[in-house]
PDB file of N, CA and C in Angstrom:
ATOM      1  N   MET A   1     -18.976 -50.111  43.273  1.00  0.00           N
ATOM      2  CA  MET A   1     -19.067 -49.167  44.368  1.00  0.00           C
ATOM      3  C   MET A   1     -19.354 -47.773  43.809  1.00  0.00           C
ATOM      4  N   GLN A   2     -20.199 -47.078  44.491  1.00  0.00           N
ATOM      5  CA  GLN A   2     -20.532 -45.718  44.094  1.00  0.00           C
ATOM      6  C   GLN A   2     -20.534 -44.834  45.331  1.00  0.00           C
ATOM      7  N   ASP A   3     -20.142 -43.573  45.143  1.00  0.00           N
ATOM      8  CA  ASP A   3     -20.124 -42.626  46.249  1.00  0.00           C
ATOM      9  C   ASP A   3     -20.343 -41.227  45.694  1.00  0.00           C
ATOM     10  N   ILE A   4     -20.723 -40.333  46.573  1.00  0.00           N
ATOM     11  CA  ILE A   4     -20.890 -38.921  46.229  1.00  0.00           C
ATOM     12  C   ILE A   4     -19.732 -38.158  46.863  1.00  0.00           C
ATOM     13  N   ILE A   5     -19.057 -37.352  46.055  1.00  0.00           N
ATOM     14  CA  ILE A   5     -17.966 -36.516  46.551  1.00  0.00           C
ATOM     15  C   ILE A   5     -18.349 -35.068  46.271  1.00  0.00           C
ATOM     16  N   LYS A   6     -18.225 -34.233  47.279  1.00  0.00           N
ATOM     17  CA  LYS A   6     -18.555 -32.814  47.126  1.00  0.00           C
ATOM     18  C   LYS A   6     -17.368 -32.093  46.485  1.00  0.00           C
ATOM     19  N   ILE A   7     -17.637 -31.478  45.332  1.00  0.00           N
ATOM     20  CA  ILE A   7     -16.622 -30.709  44.612  1.00  0.00           C
ATOM     21  C   ILE A   7     -17.199 -29.331  44.348  1.00  0.00           C
ATOM     22  N   ASP A   8     -16.513 -28.315  44.821  1.00  0.00           N
ATOM     23  CA  ASP A   8     -16.939 -26.939  44.576  1.00  0.00           C
ATOM     24  C   ASP A   8     -18.404 -26.732  44.990  1.00  0.00           C
ATOM     25  N   GLY A   9     -18.795 -27.372  46.107  1.00  0.00           N
ATOM     26  CA  GLY A   9     -20.147 -27.229  46.617  1.00  0.00           C
ATOM     27  C   GLY A   9     -21.194 -28.090  45.924  1.00  0.00           C
ATOM     28  N   LYS A  10     -20.787 -28.891  44.939  1.00  0.00           N
ATOM     29  CA  LYS A  10     -21.726 -29.751  44.205  1.00  0.00           C
ATOM     30  C   LYS A  10     -21.516 -31.205  44.611  1.00  0.00           C
ATOM     31  N   ASP A  11     -22.610 -31.949  44.723  1.00  0.00           N
ATOM     32  CA  ASP A  11     -22.524 -33.389  44.958  1.00  0.00           C
ATOM     33  C   ASP A  11     -22.293 -34.080  43.623  1.00  0.00           C
ATOM     34  N   VAL A  12     -21.142 -34.732  43.498  1.00  0.00           N
ATOM     35  CA  VAL A  12     -20.765 -35.380  42.245  1.00  0.00           C
ATOM     36  C   VAL A  12     -20.671 -36.885  42.481  1.00  0.00           C
ATOM     37  N   PRO A  13     -21.463 -37.675  41.743  1.00  0.00           N
ATOM     38  CA  PRO A  13     -21.364 -39.126  41.897  1.00  0.00           C
ATOM     39  C   PRO A  13     -20.110 -39.675  41.212  1.00  0.00           C
ATOM     40  N   PHE A  14     -19.477 -40.631  41.867  1.00  0.00           N
ATOM     41  CA  PHE A  14     -18.318 -41.337  41.320  1.00  0.00           C
ATOM     42  C   PHE A  14     -18.594 -42.823  41.438  1.00  0.00           C
ATOM     43  N   ARG A  15     -18.134 -43.584  40.455  1.00  0.00           N
ATOM     44  CA  ARG A  15     -18.361 -45.029  40.470  1.00  0.00           C
ATOM     45  C   ARG A  15     -17.063 -45.750  40.140  1.00  0.00           C
ATOM     46  N   ALA A  16     -16.759 -46.770  40.936  1.00  0.00           N
ATOM     47  CA  ALA A  16     -15.576 -47.603  40.707  1.00  0.00           C
ATOM     48  C   ALA A  16     -16.037 -49.043  40.542  1.00  0.00           C
ATOM     49  N   THR A  17     -15.803 -49.600  39.361  1.00  0.00           N
ATOM     50  CA  THR A  17     -16.120 -51.003  39.100  1.00  0.00           C
ATOM     51  C   THR A  17     -14.968 -51.608  38.303  1.00  0.00           C
ATOM     52  N   ALA A  18     -15.098 -52.867  37.982  1.00  0.00           N
ATOM     53  CA  ALA A  18     -14.079 -53.544  37.182  1.00  0.00           C
ATOM     54  C   ALA A  18     -13.965 -52.937  35.784  1.00  0.00           C
ATOM     55  N   ALA A  19     -14.976 -52.205  35.341  1.00  0.00           N
ATOM     56  CA  ALA A  19     -14.951 -51.586  34.016  1.00  0.00           C
ATOM     57  C   ALA A  19     -14.059 -50.345  33.954  1.00  0.00           C
ATOM     58  N   VAL A  20     -13.788 -49.725  35.083  1.00  0.00           N
ATOM     59  CA  VAL A  20     -13.050 -48.458  35.096  1.00  0.00           C
ATOM     60  C   VAL A  20     -11.665 -48.567  34.441  1.00  0.00           C
ATOM     61  N   PRO A  21     -10.837 -49.562  34.759  1.00  0.00           N
ATOM     62  CA  PRO A  21      -9.529 -49.636  34.089  1.00  0.00           C
ATOM     63  C   PRO A  21      -9.645 -49.731  32.568  1.00  0.00           C
ATOM     64  N   ARG A  22     -10.633 -50.473  32.107  1.00  0.00           N
ATOM     65  CA  ARG A  22     -10.839 -50.608  30.658  1.00  0.00           C
ATOM     66  C   ARG A  22     -11.293 -49.278  30.041  1.00  0.00           C
ATOM     67  N   LEU A  23     -12.263 -48.622  30.682  1.00  0.00           N
ATOM     68  CA  LEU A  23     -12.742 -47.329  30.188  1.00  0.00           C
ATOM     69  C   LEU A  23     -11.602 -46.314  30.136  1.00  0.00           C
ATOM     70  N   TYR A  24     -10.784 -46.307  31.174  1.00  0.00           N
ATOM     71  CA  TYR A  24      -9.643 -45.387  31.251  1.00  0.00           C
ATOM     72  C   TYR A  24      -8.639 -45.691  30.136  1.00  0.00           C
ATOM     73  N   ARG A  25      -8.347 -46.974  29.946  1.00  0.00           N
ATOM     74  CA  ARG A  25      -7.381 -47.376  28.912  1.00  0.00           C
ATOM     75  C   ARG A  25      -7.890 -47.004  27.517  1.00  0.00           C
ATOM     76  N   ILE A  26      -9.184 -47.213  27.266  1.00  0.00           N
ATOM     77  CA  ILE A  26      -9.763 -46.883  25.963  1.00  0.00           C
ATOM     78  C   ILE A  26      -9.723 -45.377  25.716  1.00  0.00           C
ATOM     79  N   LYS A  27     -10.098 -44.606  26.727  1.00  0.00           N
ATOM     80  CA  LYS A  27     -10.190 -43.140  26.560  1.00  0.00           C
ATOM     81  C   LYS A  27      -8.814 -42.470  26.519  1.00  0.00           C
ATOM     82  N   PHE A  28      -7.897 -42.900  27.401  1.00  0.00           N
ATOM     83  CA  PHE A  28      -6.628 -42.180  27.545  1.00  0.00           C
ATOM     84  C   PHE A  28      -5.395 -42.983  27.125  1.00  0.00           C
ATOM     85  N   ARG A  29      -5.586 -44.260  26.793  1.00  0.00           N
ATOM     86  CA  ARG A  29      -4.482 -45.143  26.382  1.00  0.00           C
ATOM     87  C   ARG A  29      -3.391 -45.229  27.450  1.00  0.00           C
ATOM     88  N   ARG A  30      -3.847 -45.330  28.699  1.00  0.00           N
ATOM     89  CA  ARG A  30      -2.934 -45.413  29.843  1.00  0.00           C
ATOM     90  C   ARG A  30      -3.472 -46.442  30.826  1.00  0.00           C
ATOM     91  N   ASP A  31      -2.607 -46.876  31.740  1.00  0.00           N
ATOM     92  CA  ASP A  31      -2.983 -47.834  32.777  1.00  0.00           C
ATOM     93  C   ASP A  31      -3.360 -47.068  34.045  1.00  0.00           C
ATOM     94  N   ILE A  32      -4.597 -47.207  34.488  1.00  0.00           N
ATOM     95  CA  ILE A  32      -5.091 -46.440  35.634  1.00  0.00           C
ATOM     96  C   ILE A  32      -4.356 -46.797  36.928  1.00  0.00           C
ATOM     97  N   ILE A  33      -3.994 -48.069  37.096  1.00  0.00           N
ATOM     98  CA  ILE A  33      -3.307 -48.489  38.323  1.00  0.00           C
ATOM     99  C   ILE A  33      -1.938 -47.821  38.403  1.00  0.00           C
ATOM    100  N   GLN A  34      -1.200 -47.854  37.302  1.00  0.00           N
ATOM    101  CA  GLN A  34       0.115 -47.200  37.287  1.00  0.00           C
ATOM    102  C   GLN A  34      -0.019 -45.699  37.510  1.00  0.00           C
ATOM    103  N   ASP A  35      -1.038 -45.100  36.918  1.00  0.00           N
ATOM    104  CA  ASP A  35      -1.235 -43.657  37.082  1.00  0.00           C
ATOM    105  C   ASP A  35      -1.609 -43.302  38.518  1.00  0.00           C
ATOM    106  N   MET A  36      -2.461 -44.106  39.152  1.00  0.00           N
ATOM    107  CA  MET A  36      -2.814 -43.849  40.560  1.00  0.00           C
ATOM    108  C   MET A  36      -1.579 -43.947  41.450  1.00  0.00           C
ATOM    109  N   GLN A  37      -0.736 -44.933  41.178  1.00  0.00           N
ATOM    110  CA  GLN A  37       0.491 -45.088  41.966  1.00  0.00           C
ATOM    111  C   GLN A  37       1.427 -43.901  41.750  1.00  0.00           C
ATOM    112  N   ALA A  38       1.528 -43.420  40.515  1.00  0.00           N
ATOM    113  CA  ALA A  38       2.386 -42.267  40.217  1.00  0.00           C
ATOM    114  C   ALA A  38       1.877 -41.014  40.928  1.00  0.00           C
ATOM    115  N   ILE A  39       0.573 -40.816  40.920  1.00  0.00           N
ATOM    116  CA  ILE A  39      -0.012 -39.662  41.613  1.00  0.00           C
ATOM    117  C   ILE A  39       0.267 -39.756  43.106  1.00  0.00           C
ATOM    118  N   GLN A  40       0.084 -40.943  43.676  1.00  0.00           N
ATOM    119  CA  GLN A  40       0.321 -41.126  45.109  1.00  0.00           C
ATOM    120  C   GLN A  40       1.776 -40.828  45.464  1.00  0.00           C
ATOM    121  N   ARG A  41       2.708 -41.271  44.618  1.00  0.00           N
ATOM    122  CA  ARG A  41       4.134 -40.973  44.859  1.00  0.00           C
ATOM    123  C   ARG A  41       4.379 -39.465  44.854  1.00  0.00           C
ATOM    124  N   CYS A  42       3.780 -38.767  43.904  1.00  0.00           N
ATOM    125  CA  CYS A  42       3.943 -37.310  43.828  1.00  0.00           C
ATOM    126  C   CYS A  42       3.368 -36.627  45.066  1.00  0.00           C
ATOM    127  N   LEU A  43       2.208 -37.074  45.514  1.00  0.00           N
ATOM    128  CA  LEU A  43       1.603 -36.487  46.712  1.00  0.00           C
ATOM    129  C   LEU A  43       2.446 -36.774  47.950  1.00  0.00           C
ATOM    130  N   ASP A  44       3.020 -37.976  48.022  1.00  0.00           N
ATOM    131  CA  ASP A  44       3.898 -38.320  49.147  1.00  0.00           C
ATOM    132  C   ASP A  44       5.144 -37.437  49.160  1.00  0.00           C
ATOM    133  N   GLN A  45       5.717 -37.194  47.974  1.00  0.00           N
ATOM    134  CA  GLN A  45       6.892 -36.313  47.880  1.00  0.00           C
ATOM    135  C   GLN A  45       6.532 -34.897  48.310  1.00  0.00           C
ATOM    136  N   LYS A  46       5.353 -34.455  47.934  1.00  0.00           N
ATOM    137  CA  LYS A  46       4.891 -33.112  48.308  1.00  0.00           C
ATOM    138  C   LYS A  46       4.725 -33.012  49.826  1.00  0.00           C
ATOM    139  N   LYS A  47       4.223 -34.088  50.455  1.00  0.00           N
ATOM    140  CA  LYS A  47       4.078 -34.100  51.918  1.00  0.00           C
ATOM    141  C   LYS A  47       5.432 -33.989  52.601  1.00  0.00           C
ATOM    142  N   GLU A  48       6.419 -34.696  52.064  1.00  0.00           N
ATOM    143  CA  GLU A  48       7.760 -34.698  52.649  1.00  0.00           C
ATOM    144  C   GLU A  48       8.464 -33.363  52.461  1.00  0.00           C
ATOM    145  N   ASN A  49       8.186 -32.708  51.354  1.00  0.00           N
ATOM    146  CA  ASN A  49       8.873 -31.463  51.032  1.00  0.00           C
ATOM    147  C   ASN A  49       7.883 -30.493  50.392  1.00  0.00           C
ATOM    148  N   GLU A  50       7.470 -29.503  51.154  1.00  0.00           N
ATOM    149  CA  GLU A  50       6.497 -28.515  50.672  1.00  0.00           C
ATOM    150  C   GLU A  50       7.000 -27.749  49.449  1.00  0.00           C
ATOM    151  N   GLU A  51       8.324 -27.692  49.284  1.00  0.00           N
ATOM    152  CA  GLU A  51       8.917 -26.965  48.156  1.00  0.00           C
ATOM    153  C   GLU A  51       8.621 -27.652  46.820  1.00  0.00           C
ATOM    154  N   VAL A  52       8.395 -28.957  46.876  1.00  0.00           N
ATOM    155  CA  VAL A  52       8.149 -29.732  45.660  1.00  0.00           C
ATOM    156  C   VAL A  52       6.759 -29.402  45.137  1.00  0.00           C
ATOM    157  N   SER A  53       6.681 -29.120  43.844  1.00  0.00           N
ATOM    158  CA  SER A  53       5.362 -28.884  43.259  1.00  0.00           C
ATOM    159  C   SER A  53       4.950 -30.117  42.458  1.00  0.00           C
ATOM    160  N   LEU A  54       3.660 -30.309  42.371  1.00  0.00           N
ATOM    161  CA  LEU A  54       3.158 -31.455  41.617  1.00  0.00           C
ATOM    162  C   LEU A  54       3.381 -31.221  40.130  1.00  0.00           C
ATOM    163  N   PRO A  55       3.913 -32.213  39.438  1.00  0.00           N
ATOM    164  CA  PRO A  55       4.112 -32.043  37.998  1.00  0.00           C
ATOM    165  C   PRO A  55       2.763 -31.971  37.272  1.00  0.00           C
ATOM    166  N   PRO A  56       2.701 -31.217  36.192  1.00  0.00           N
ATOM    167  CA  PRO A  56       1.443 -31.104  35.436  1.00  0.00           C
ATOM    168  C   PRO A  56       0.897 -32.463  34.992  1.00  0.00           C
ATOM    169  N   GLU A  57       1.799 -33.413  34.705  1.00  0.00           N
ATOM    170  CA  GLU A  57       1.351 -34.740  34.269  1.00  0.00           C
ATOM    171  C   GLU A  57       0.538 -35.425  35.369  1.00  0.00           C
ATOM    172  N   ALA A  58       0.962 -35.262  36.621  1.00  0.00           N
ATOM    173  CA  ALA A  58       0.243 -35.882  37.741  1.00  0.00           C
ATOM    174  C   ALA A  58      -1.148 -35.266  37.886  1.00  0.00           C
ATOM    175  N   LEU A  59      -1.232 -33.963  37.728  1.00  0.00           N
ATOM    176  CA  LEU A  59      -2.534 -33.295  37.811  1.00  0.00           C
ATOM    177  C   LEU A  59      -3.453 -33.751  36.680  1.00  0.00           C
ATOM    178  N   GLU A  60      -2.894 -33.888  35.484  1.00  0.00           N
ATOM    179  CA  GLU A  60      -3.697 -34.335  34.349  1.00  0.00           C
ATOM    180  C   GLU A  60      -4.182 -35.775  34.550  1.00  0.00           C
ATOM    181  N   MET A  61      -3.312 -36.645  35.052  1.00  0.00           N
ATOM    182  CA  MET A  61      -3.720 -38.028  35.323  1.00  0.00           C
ATOM    183  C   MET A  61      -4.853 -38.047  36.348  1.00  0.00           C
ATOM    184  N   PHE A  62      -4.706 -37.257  37.408  1.00  0.00           N
ATOM    185  CA  PHE A  62      -5.740 -37.170  38.442  1.00  0.00           C
ATOM    186  C   PHE A  62      -7.070 -36.709  37.846  1.00  0.00           C
ATOM    187  N   GLU A  63      -7.032 -35.650  37.059  1.00  0.00           N
ATOM    188  CA  GLU A  63      -8.253 -35.127  36.444  1.00  0.00           C
ATOM    189  C   GLU A  63      -8.908 -36.181  35.550  1.00  0.00           C
ATOM    190  N   ASN A  64      -8.086 -36.920  34.810  1.00  0.00           N
ATOM    191  CA  ASN A  64      -8.615 -37.952  33.921  1.00  0.00           C
ATOM    192  C   ASN A  64      -9.254 -39.106  34.701  1.00  0.00           C
ATOM    193  N   ILE A  65      -8.618 -39.511  35.794  1.00  0.00           N
ATOM    194  CA  ILE A  65      -9.173 -40.582  36.634  1.00  0.00           C
ATOM    195  C   ILE A  65     -10.504 -40.134  37.235  1.00  0.00           C
ATOM    196  N   ALA A  66     -10.523 -38.924  37.770  1.00  0.00           N
ATOM    197  CA  ALA A  66     -11.760 -38.394  38.352  1.00  0.00           C
ATOM    198  C   ALA A  66     -12.855 -38.319  37.293  1.00  0.00           C
ATOM    199  N   TYR A  67     -12.495 -37.858  36.111  1.00  0.00           N
ATOM    200  CA  TYR A  67     -13.466 -37.747  35.016  1.00  0.00           C
ATOM    201  C   TYR A  67     -14.068 -39.108  34.663  1.00  0.00           C
ATOM    202  N   ILE A  68     -13.224 -40.118  34.487  1.00  0.00           N
ATOM    203  CA  ILE A  68     -13.709 -41.453  34.102  1.00  0.00           C
ATOM    204  C   ILE A  68     -14.660 -42.007  35.159  1.00  0.00           C
ATOM    205  N   MET A  69     -14.305 -41.844  36.428  1.00  0.00           N
ATOM    206  CA  MET A  69     -15.166 -42.366  37.498  1.00  0.00           C
ATOM    207  C   MET A  69     -16.480 -41.586  37.592  1.00  0.00           C
ATOM    208  N   ALA A  70     -16.440 -40.293  37.316  1.00  0.00           N
ATOM    209  CA  ALA A  70     -17.669 -39.493  37.315  1.00  0.00           C
ATOM    210  C   ALA A  70     -18.533 -39.850  36.104  1.00  0.00           C
ATOM    211  N   LYS A  71     -17.917 -39.998  34.958  1.00  0.00           N
ATOM    212  CA  LYS A  71     -18.644 -40.360  33.732  1.00  0.00           C
ATOM    213  C   LYS A  71     -19.278 -41.741  33.889  1.00  0.00           C
ATOM    214  N   HIS A  72     -18.560 -42.653  34.511  1.00  0.00           N
ATOM    215  CA  HIS A  72     -19.064 -44.011  34.736  1.00  0.00           C
ATOM    216  C   HIS A  72     -20.286 -43.992  35.665  1.00  0.00           C
ATOM    217  N   ALA A  73     -20.318 -43.043  36.582  1.00  0.00           N
ATOM    218  CA  ALA A  73     -21.435 -42.939  37.533  1.00  0.00           C
ATOM    219  C   ALA A  73     -22.645 -42.223  36.946  1.00  0.00           C
ATOM    220  N   ASP A  74     -22.411 -41.293  36.018  1.00  0.00           N
ATOM    221  CA  ASP A  74     -23.501 -40.430  35.541  1.00  0.00           C
ATOM    222  C   ASP A  74     -23.303 -40.109  34.063  1.00  0.00           C
ATOM    223  N   LYS A  75     -23.427 -41.130  33.221  1.00  0.00           N
ATOM    224  CA  LYS A  75     -23.138 -41.012  31.787  1.00  0.00           C
ATOM    225  C   LYS A  75     -23.895 -39.874  31.099  1.00  0.00           C
ATOM    226  N   ASP A  76     -25.144 -39.675  31.496  1.00  0.00           N
ATOM    227  CA  ASP A  76     -25.984 -38.701  30.803  1.00  0.00           C
ATOM    228  C   ASP A  76     -25.682 -37.249  31.160  1.00  0.00           C
ATOM    229  N   ASN A  77     -25.102 -37.008  32.327  1.00  0.00           N
ATOM    230  CA  ASN A  77     -24.894 -35.630  32.769  1.00  0.00           C
ATOM    231  C   ASN A  77     -23.446 -35.175  32.778  1.00  0.00           C
ATOM    232  N   VAL A  78     -22.518 -36.077  32.510  1.00  0.00           N
ATOM    233  CA  VAL A  78     -21.105 -35.699  32.459  1.00  0.00           C
ATOM    234  C   VAL A  78     -20.743 -35.480  30.992  1.00  0.00           C
ATOM    235  N   PRO A  79     -20.159 -34.318  30.664  1.00  0.00           N
ATOM    236  CA  PRO A  79     -19.820 -34.010  29.273  1.00  0.00           C
ATOM    237  C   PRO A  79     -18.868 -35.034  28.643  1.00  0.00           C
ATOM    238  N   ALA A  80     -18.684 -34.902  27.341  1.00  0.00           N
ATOM    239  CA  ALA A  80     -17.904 -35.868  26.562  1.00  0.00           C
ATOM    240  C   ALA A  80     -16.399 -35.782  26.789  1.00  0.00           C
ATOM    241  N   SER A  81     -15.911 -34.680  27.339  1.00  0.00           N
ATOM    242  CA  SER A  81     -14.458 -34.556  27.535  1.00  0.00           C
ATOM    243  C   SER A  81     -14.145 -34.099  28.960  1.00  0.00           C
ATOM    244  N   PRO A  82     -12.944 -34.449  29.438  1.00  0.00           N
ATOM    245  CA  PRO A  82     -12.538 -33.988  30.771  1.00  0.00           C
ATOM    246  C   PRO A  82     -12.504 -32.466  30.866  1.00  0.00           C
ATOM    247  N   GLU A  83     -12.099 -31.816  29.780  1.00  0.00           N
ATOM    248  CA  GLU A  83     -12.014 -30.352  29.792  1.00  0.00           C
ATOM    249  C   GLU A  83     -13.387 -29.724  30.007  1.00  0.00           C
ATOM    250  N   GLU A  84     -14.385 -30.232  29.290  1.00  0.00           N
ATOM    251  CA  GLU A  84     -15.750 -29.712  29.454  1.00  0.00           C
ATOM    252  C   GLU A  84     -16.256 -29.972  30.872  1.00  0.00           C
ATOM    253  N   TRP A  85     -15.954 -31.155  31.398  1.00  0.00           N
ATOM    254  CA  TRP A  85     -16.396 -31.506  32.747  1.00  0.00           C
ATOM    255  C   TRP A  85     -15.732 -30.607  33.782  1.00  0.00           C
ATOM    256  N   LEU A  86     -14.412 -30.429  33.673  1.00  0.00           N
ATOM    257  CA  LEU A  86     -13.683 -29.584  34.626  1.00  0.00           C
ATOM    258  C   LEU A  86     -14.173 -28.139  34.567  1.00  0.00           C
ATOM    259  N   ASP A  87     -14.622 -27.730  33.393  1.00  0.00           N
ATOM    260  CA  ASP A  87     -15.112 -26.366  33.206  1.00  0.00           C
ATOM    261  C   ASP A  87     -16.384 -26.091  34.010  1.00  0.00           C
ATOM    262  N   THR A  88     -17.026 -27.139  34.521  1.00  0.00           N
ATOM    263  CA  THR A  88     -18.245 -26.947  35.321  1.00  0.00           C
ATOM    264  C   THR A  88     -17.933 -26.625  36.781  1.00  0.00           C
ATOM    265  N   PHE A  89     -16.643 -26.629  37.149  1.00  0.00           N
ATOM    266  CA  PHE A  89     -16.219 -26.342  38.524  1.00  0.00           C
ATOM    267  C   PHE A  89     -15.346 -25.095  38.561  1.00  0.00           C
ATOM    268  N   ASN A  90     -15.428 -24.355  39.674  1.00  0.00           N
ATOM    269  CA  ASN A  90     -14.514 -23.232  39.891  1.00  0.00           C
ATOM    270  C   ASN A  90     -13.214 -23.718  40.508  1.00  0.00           C
ATOM    271  N   THR A  91     -13.315 -24.658  41.453  1.00  0.00           N
ATOM    272  CA  THR A  91     -12.130 -25.224  42.105  1.00  0.00           C
ATOM    273  C   THR A  91     -12.210 -26.741  42.047  1.00  0.00           C
ATOM    274  N   PHE A  92     -11.032 -27.369  42.018  1.00  0.00           N
ATOM    275  CA  PHE A  92     -10.957 -28.826  41.895  1.00  0.00           C
ATOM    276  C   PHE A  92      -9.644 -29.253  42.528  1.00  0.00           C
ATOM    277  N   SER A  93      -9.664 -29.531  43.829  1.00  0.00           N
ATOM    278  CA  SER A  93      -8.435 -29.771  44.583  1.00  0.00           C
ATOM    279  C   SER A  93      -8.035 -31.244  44.610  1.00  0.00           C
ATOM    280  N   ILE A  94      -6.859 -31.531  44.076  1.00  0.00           N
ATOM    281  CA  ILE A  94      -6.323 -32.894  44.099  1.00  0.00           C
ATOM    282  C   ILE A  94      -6.149 -33.373  45.537  1.00  0.00           C
ATOM    283  N   TYR A  95      -5.793 -32.466  46.435  1.00  0.00           N
ATOM    284  CA  TYR A  95      -5.522 -32.837  47.828  1.00  0.00           C
ATOM    285  C   TYR A  95      -6.790 -33.278  48.555  1.00  0.00           C
ATOM    286  N   GLU A  96      -7.933 -32.724  48.174  1.00  0.00           N
ATOM    287  CA  GLU A  96      -9.200 -33.096  48.803  1.00  0.00           C
ATOM    288  C   GLU A  96      -9.846 -34.298  48.123  1.00  0.00           C
ATOM    289  N   ILE A  97      -9.771 -34.354  46.813  1.00  0.00           N
ATOM    290  CA  ILE A  97     -10.542 -35.326  46.049  1.00  0.00           C
ATOM    291  C   ILE A  97      -9.810 -36.649  45.843  1.00  0.00           C
ATOM    292  N   PHE A  98      -8.502 -36.613  45.578  1.00  0.00           N
ATOM    293  CA  PHE A  98      -7.787 -37.858  45.277  1.00  0.00           C
ATOM    294  C   PHE A  98      -7.882 -38.881  46.402  1.00  0.00           C
ATOM    295  N   PRO A  99      -7.717 -38.494  47.666  1.00  0.00           N
ATOM    296  CA  PRO A  99      -7.852 -39.503  48.733  1.00  0.00           C
ATOM    297  C   PRO A  99      -9.231 -40.177  48.745  1.00  0.00           C
ATOM    298  N   LYS A 100     -10.270 -39.437  48.405  1.00  0.00           N
ATOM    299  CA  LYS A 100     -11.618 -40.008  48.376  1.00  0.00           C
ATOM    300  C   LYS A 100     -11.781 -40.971  47.199  1.00  0.00           C
ATOM    301  N   ILE A 101     -11.160 -40.625  46.074  1.00  0.00           N
ATOM    302  CA  ILE A 101     -11.205 -41.510  44.908  1.00  0.00           C
ATOM    303  C   ILE A 101     -10.446 -42.800  45.202  1.00  0.00           C
ATOM    304  N   ILE A 102      -9.288 -42.678  45.831  1.00  0.00           N
ATOM    305  CA  ILE A 102      -8.500 -43.866  46.197  1.00  0.00           C
ATOM    306  C   ILE A 102      -9.293 -44.736  47.172  1.00  0.00           C
ATOM    307  N   GLU A 103      -9.947 -44.111  48.131  1.00  0.00           N
ATOM    308  CA  GLU A 103     -10.748 -44.865  49.099  1.00  0.00           C
ATOM    309  C   GLU A 103     -11.871 -45.630  48.391  1.00  0.00           C
ATOM    310  N   LEU A 104     -12.551 -44.969  47.454  1.00  0.00           N
ATOM    311  CA  LEU A 104     -13.613 -45.621  46.690  1.00  0.00           C
ATOM    312  C   LEU A 104     -13.046 -46.791  45.885  1.00  0.00           C
ATOM    313  N   TRP A 105     -11.898 -46.575  45.247  1.00  0.00           N
ATOM    314  CA  TRP A 105     -11.254 -47.630  44.460  1.00  0.00           C
ATOM    315  C   TRP A 105     -10.868 -48.813  45.354  1.00  0.00           C
ATOM    316  N   ASP A 106     -10.299 -48.516  46.510  1.00  0.00           N
ATOM    317  CA  ASP A 106      -9.895 -49.580  47.437  1.00  0.00           C
ATOM    318  C   ASP A 106     -11.107 -50.384  47.921  1.00  0.00           C
ATOM    319  N   LEU A 107     -12.210 -49.702  48.208  1.00  0.00           N
ATOM    320  CA  LEU A 107     -13.433 -50.406  48.617  1.00  0.00           C
ATOM    321  C   LEU A 107     -13.937 -51.310  47.501  1.00  0.00           C
ATOM    322  N   ASN A 108     -13.832 -50.831  46.264  1.00  0.00           N
ATOM    323  CA  ASN A 108     -14.229 -51.634  45.119  1.00  0.00           C
ATOM    324  C   ASN A 108     -13.348 -52.878  45.003  1.00  0.00           C
ATOM    325  N   MET A 109     -12.039 -52.699  45.144  1.00  0.00           N
ATOM    326  CA  MET A 109     -11.108 -53.827  45.042  1.00  0.00           C
ATOM    327  C   MET A 109     -11.342 -54.817  46.183  1.00  0.00           C
ATOM    328  N   GLU A 110     -11.610 -54.295  47.367  1.00  0.00           N
ATOM    329  CA  GLU A 110     -11.890 -55.144  48.527  1.00  0.00           C
ATOM    330  C   GLU A 110     -13.157 -55.966  48.290  1.00  0.00           C
ATOM    331  N   GLY A 111     -14.169 -55.325  47.739  1.00  0.00           N
ATOM    332  CA  GLY A 111     -15.417 -56.018  47.431  1.00  0.00           C
ATOM    333  C   GLY A 111     -15.232 -57.087  46.378  1.00  0.00           C
ATOM    334  N   MET A 112     -14.373 -56.808  45.392  1.00  0.00           N
ATOM    335  CA  MET A 112     -14.111 -57.794  44.349  1.00  0.00           C
ATOM    336  C   MET A 112     -13.385 -59.003  44.914  1.00  0.00           C
ATOM    337  N   SER A 113     -12.413 -58.782  45.781  1.00  0.00           N
ATOM    338  CA  SER A 113     -11.664 -59.912  46.333  1.00  0.00           C
ATOM    339  C   SER A 113     -12.521 -60.711  47.309  1.00  0.00           C
ATOM    340  N   THR A 114     -13.431 -60.051  48.011  1.00  0.00           N
ATOM    341  CA  THR A 114     -14.337 -60.749  48.923  1.00  0.00           C
ATOM    342  C   THR A 114     -15.286 -61.651  48.137  1.00  0.00           C
ATOM    343  N   SER A 115     -15.812 -61.140  47.017  1.00  0.00           N
ATOM    344  CA  SER A 115     -16.741 -61.948  46.233  1.00  0.00           C
ATOM    345  C   SER A 115     -16.028 -63.114  45.555  1.00  0.00           C
ATOM    346  N   LYS A 116     -14.752 -62.975  45.221  1.00  0.00           N
ATOM    347  CA  LYS A 116     -13.988 -64.069  44.616  1.00  0.00           C
ATOM    348  C   LYS A 116     -13.749 -65.193  45.611  1.00  0.00           C
ATOM    349  N   LYS A 117     -13.634 -64.850  46.897  1.00  0.00           N
ATOM    350  CA  LYS A 117     -13.363 -65.849  47.931  1.00  0.00           C
ATOM    351  C   LYS A 117     -14.569 -66.741  48.191  1.00  0.00           C
ATOM    352  N   LYS A 118     -15.764 -66.243  47.878  1.00  0.00           N
ATOM    353  CA  LYS A 118     -16.990 -67.007  48.184  1.00  0.00           C
ATOM    354  C   LYS A 118     -17.186 -68.161  47.258  1.00  0.00           C
TER     355      LYS A 118
END
């Protein structure tokens, strides 16, 4: 699955396939599914209590997930590191972008389970 997400006024391609968990694990030595769940828990806590701030670890996990999916979609134009990639944007809102990334991931998982049933 591939989609375009507007970030800081730019159309940024994102791609979610079965390769993404492996790419994420190789690059960051972490489990993308566990990290997505942790980010979602943090966002849910923030919704329940505005006083709660997102921990830096959750923001870093989000940035890394977004980076991997963007790199997977556009290998030639996405820089070699998340820091270089993030540096191409003025703003990068977890509240706007993470739900779209989750939606793309869910569509990918739905497509995978549909093809397995056939």
